Amino acid sequence: MNFLDELRNLDINDIGRWPLLFRAILIVIIFGVVAGGLSYYLVERPKKPVLEEAQNKETMLRETFERKQKKAANYDAYKDQLDEINRSFGAMLRQLPGETEIPSLLQDISQTGLASGLEEKLFQPLPEFAREFYAEKPIKIRLTGSYHQMGDFVSGIAALPRIVTLHDLVITPIPTNADRPQRNTDELILNVTAKTYRYMEEDTGE
């Protein structure tokens, strides 16, 4: 009787009568199943949360590494961009007048209106307003003249070497009455607030 015939003739209900070889094989199989089960419940299962945590940490570290790798790859581009921003910022700061330049700048603003052919009715510098790193100097201005002359004034202000901005610009016709007839039908009133800016770092003790 060969091995396969003996295997088919085994009685599952009478294991004690099995040949020694088959009983040894059965014991090995049972031992392997029991050992595997004990290994899972006593070793692998308690460590499963630790393994999952390690896997999650690995994923996070991998993502962090990839982000840093991209930043490192773009470092030269970022450095060039920062240098360009610093150059632009420096150029803007050079357009801000120093404290000693404010009086001459106010004169330039006034002269720009007169050079445009406008008649100056009001030129009132107001107190400075301190901002985060600069001071803002507003000037209330009222001028009369034609619409074309007012356009020349705005263009002249934009062409000044220092930064001057115009705010709250209102243009109205000059009212007429019996005591003061209007001299020119094109004559208008321009009310505007001009603002210039001073870099605060120039002040000592600030």
Protein backbone atom coordinates (compact mmCIF):
# COMPACT_ATOMS: atom_id res chain seq x y z
CA MET A 1 0.00 0.00 0.00
CA ASN A 2 1.48 3.28 -1.04
CA PHE A 3 1.44 6.57 0.82
CA LEU A 4 -1.69 7.95 -0.88
CA ASP A 5 -3.66 4.76 -0.17
CA GLU A 6 -2.66 4.91 3.49
CA LEU A 7 -3.70 8.60 3.63
CA ARG A 8 -7.14 7.80 2.18
CA ASN A 9 -7.66 4.95 4.65
CA LEU A 10 -7.02 7.08 7.74
CA ASP A 11 -9.97 7.22 10.18
CA ILE A 12 -10.36 10.74 11.53
CA ASN A 13 -12.24 9.32 14.54
CA ASP A 14 -9.48 6.87 15.45
CA ILE A 15 -6.31 8.93 15.34
CA GLY A 16 -4.64 6.57 17.84
CA ARG A 17 -4.46 3.83 15.19
CA TRP A 18 -2.80 6.06 12.59
CA PRO A 19 0.74 5.13 11.59
CA LEU A 20 3.43 7.01 13.50
CA LEU A 21 4.40 9.12 10.51
CA PHE A 22 0.89 10.51 10.03
CA ARG A 23 0.45 11.19 13.73
CA ALA A 24 3.76 13.11 13.71
CA ILE A 25 2.63 15.15 10.70
CA LEU A 26 -0.71 15.94 12.41
CA ILE A 27 1.09 17.04 15.60
CA VAL A 28 3.38 19.33 13.58
CA ILE A 29 0.36 20.88 11.80
CA ILE A 30 -1.52 21.44 15.06
CA PHE A 31 1.57 22.89 16.71
CA GLY A 32 2.10 25.24 13.77
CA VAL A 33 -1.52 26.50 13.91
CA VAL A 34 -1.37 26.98 17.69
CA ALA A 35 2.03 28.70 17.48
CA GLY A 36 0.79 30.98 14.71
CA GLY A 37 -2.31 31.93 16.70
CA LEU A 38 -0.33 32.62 19.85
CA SER A 39 2.19 34.65 17.89
CA TYR A 40 -0.58 36.83 16.43
CA TYR A 41 -2.43 37.44 19.70
CA LEU A 42 0.62 37.80 21.94
CA VAL A 43 3.10 39.53 19.63
CA GLU A 44 1.64 40.98 16.43
CA ARG A 45 -1.76 42.20 17.66
CA PRO A 46 -0.42 44.31 20.60
CA LYS A 47 2.14 45.86 18.27
CA LYS A 48 -0.32 46.63 15.48
CA PRO A 49 -1.15 50.17 16.77
CA VAL A 50 2.58 50.85 17.09
CA LEU A 51 3.10 49.68 13.53
CA GLU A 52 0.25 51.83 12.22
CA GLU A 53 1.61 54.85 14.10
CA ALA A 54 5.05 54.23 12.63
CA GLN A 55 3.55 53.96 9.13
CA ASN A 56 1.65 57.25 9.60
CA LYS A 57 4.80 58.92 10.89
CA GLU A 58 6.71 57.60 7.90
CA THR A 59 4.11 59.12 5.57
CA MET A 60 4.31 62.49 7.34
CA LEU A 61 8.11 62.46 7.28
CA ARG A 62 8.08 61.57 3.60
CA GLU A 63 5.73 64.50 2.82
CA THR A 64 7.89 66.85 4.92
CA PHE A 65 10.99 65.66 3.10
CA GLU A 66 9.37 66.20 -0.29
CA ARG A 67 8.31 69.75 0.66
CA LYS A 68 11.80 70.60 1.90
CA GLN A 69 13.31 69.02 -1.18
CA LYS A 70 11.17 71.25 -3.41
CA LYS A 71 12.16 74.33 -1.39
CA ALA A 72 15.82 73.37 -1.64
CA ALA A 73 15.46 72.88 -5.39
CA ASN A 74 13.89 76.36 -5.72
CA TYR A 75 16.27 78.05 -3.25
CA ASP A 76 18.19 79.96 -5.93
CA ALA A 77 14.95 81.21 -7.50
CA TYR A 78 13.63 82.32 -4.09
CA LYS A 79 16.93 84.08 -3.33
CA ASP A 80 16.84 85.93 -6.65
CA GLN A 81 13.22 86.92 -6.03
CA LEU A 82 14.07 88.19 -2.53
CA ASP A 83 16.98 90.22 -3.91
CA GLU A 84 14.66 91.75 -6.50
CA ILE A 85 12.10 92.63 -3.79
CA ASN A 86 14.84 94.26 -1.69
CA ARG A 87 16.02 96.28 -4.70
CA SER A 88 12.46 97.39 -5.47
CA PHE A 89 11.84 98.27 -1.82
CA GLY A 90 15.08 100.26 -1.70
CA ALA A 91 14.08 102.14 -4.86
CA MET A 92 10.71 103.00 -3.31
CA LEU A 93 12.35 104.20 -0.09
CA ARG A 94 14.57 106.52 -2.11
CA GLN A 95 11.38 108.15 -3.42
CA LEU A 96 10.25 108.98 0.12
CA PRO A 97 11.46 112.43 1.22
CA GLY A 98 13.49 112.88 4.37
CA GLU A 99 12.28 115.17 7.12
CA THR A 100 14.47 118.01 5.88
CA GLU A 101 13.11 117.60 2.34
CA ILE A 102 9.44 118.03 3.25
CA PRO A 103 9.40 121.88 3.00
CA SER A 104 10.95 121.81 -0.49
CA LEU A 105 8.53 119.08 -1.56
CA LEU A 106 5.56 121.16 -0.38
CA GLN A 107 6.92 124.02 -2.44
CA ASP A 108 7.24 121.71 -5.47
CA ILE A 109 3.58 120.66 -5.10
CA SER A 110 2.46 124.28 -4.89
CA GLN A 111 4.63 125.28 -7.87
CA THR A 112 3.20 122.41 -9.90
CA GLY A 113 -0.28 123.89 -9.53
CA LEU A 114 0.87 127.37 -10.46
CA ALA A 115 2.91 126.05 -13.42
CA SER A 116 -0.26 124.36 -14.71
CA GLY A 117 -1.97 127.76 -14.84
CA LEU A 118 -4.21 127.11 -11.81
CA GLU A 119 -4.95 129.75 -9.19
CA GLU A 120 -4.18 128.58 -5.66
CA LYS A 121 -6.98 129.31 -3.18
CA LEU A 122 -5.87 127.00 -0.36
CA PHE A 123 -2.65 125.21 0.48
CA GLN A 124 -2.85 123.83 4.03
CA PRO A 125 -0.30 121.29 5.29
CA LEU A 126 -1.81 119.13 8.06
CA PRO A 127 -0.05 117.29 10.92
CA GLU A 128 1.74 114.03 10.12
CA PHE A 129 0.16 110.66 10.80
CA ALA A 130 2.60 107.98 11.98
CA ARG A 131 2.11 104.60 10.33
CA GLU A 132 3.98 101.32 10.90
CA PHE A 133 7.28 102.37 9.33
CA TYR A 134 6.50 105.68 7.63
CA ALA A 135 4.84 109.01 8.34
CA GLU A 136 2.03 110.35 6.17
CA LYS A 137 1.88 114.10 5.49
CA PRO A 138 -1.48 115.33 4.09
CA ILE A 139 -1.97 118.74 2.43
CA LYS A 140 -5.40 120.19 1.70
CA ILE A 141 -5.40 122.03 -1.63
CA ARG A 142 -7.99 124.14 -3.43
CA LEU A 143 -7.27 125.37 -6.96
CA THR A 144 -9.30 127.06 -9.66
CA GLY A 145 -8.85 126.83 -13.40
CA SER A 146 -9.88 124.86 -16.44
CA TYR A 147 -10.30 121.10 -16.66
CA HIS A 148 -7.28 120.91 -18.97
CA GLN A 149 -5.13 122.80 -16.46
CA MET A 150 -6.22 120.41 -13.72
CA GLY A 151 -5.16 117.49 -15.89
CA ASP A 152 -1.74 119.12 -16.30
CA PHE A 153 -1.54 119.50 -12.50
CA VAL A 154 -2.28 115.81 -11.90
CA SER A 155 0.32 114.81 -14.52
CA GLY A 156 2.85 117.18 -12.94
CA ILE A 157 2.31 115.64 -9.49
CA ALA A 158 2.82 112.15 -10.92
CA ALA A 159 6.10 113.29 -12.49
CA LEU A 160 7.62 114.55 -9.22
CA PRO A 161 10.73 112.59 -8.14
CA ARG A 162 9.19 111.93 -4.71
CA ILE A 163 6.02 109.90 -4.05
CA VAL A 164 2.92 112.12 -3.83
CA THR A 165 -0.60 110.70 -4.03
CA LEU A 166 -3.88 112.54 -4.55
CA HIS A 167 -7.02 111.69 -2.54
CA ASP A 168 -10.63 112.89 -2.20
CA LEU A 169 -10.43 114.72 -5.52
CA VAL A 170 -13.58 116.77 -6.17
CA ILE A 171 -14.13 119.09 -9.15
CA THR A 172 -17.07 121.51 -9.12
CA PRO A 173 -18.06 124.53 -11.21
CA ILE A 174 -17.54 127.97 -9.67
CA PRO A 175 -20.93 129.24 -8.46
CA THR A 176 -22.16 132.49 -10.03
CA ASN A 177 -24.15 135.26 -8.41
CA ALA A 178 -25.03 138.87 -9.06
CA ASP A 179 -22.13 140.21 -7.01
CA ARG A 180 -19.53 137.89 -8.53
CA PRO A 181 -20.28 136.88 -12.10
CA GLN A 182 -18.27 133.93 -13.41
CA ARG A 183 -15.28 135.14 -15.41
CA ASN A 184 -14.84 132.02 -17.50
CA THR A 185 -17.46 129.40 -18.27
CA ASP A 186 -14.70 126.72 -18.25
CA GLU A 187 -13.40 127.71 -14.81
CA LEU A 188 -13.73 125.00 -12.16
CA ILE A 189 -12.80 124.43 -8.51
CA LEU A 190 -10.53 121.54 -7.58
CA ASN A 191 -10.52 120.36 -3.97
CA VAL A 192 -7.99 117.62 -3.27
CA THR A 193 -5.85 116.20 -0.49
CA ALA A 194 -2.27 115.50 -1.52
CA LYS A 195 -0.26 113.07 0.60
CA THR A 196 3.46 112.52 0.76
CA TYR A 197 5.31 110.01 2.90
CA ARG A 198 8.46 109.96 5.03
CA TYR A 199 10.39 106.87 6.07
CA MET A 200 10.32 106.76 9.89
CA GLU A 201 13.71 105.06 10.24
CA GLU A 202 15.38 108.36 9.45
CA ASP A 203 14.24 109.72 12.81
CA THR A 204 16.72 109.25 15.64
CA GLY A 205 15.25 107.70 18.77
CA GLU A 206 12.22 106.18 16.99
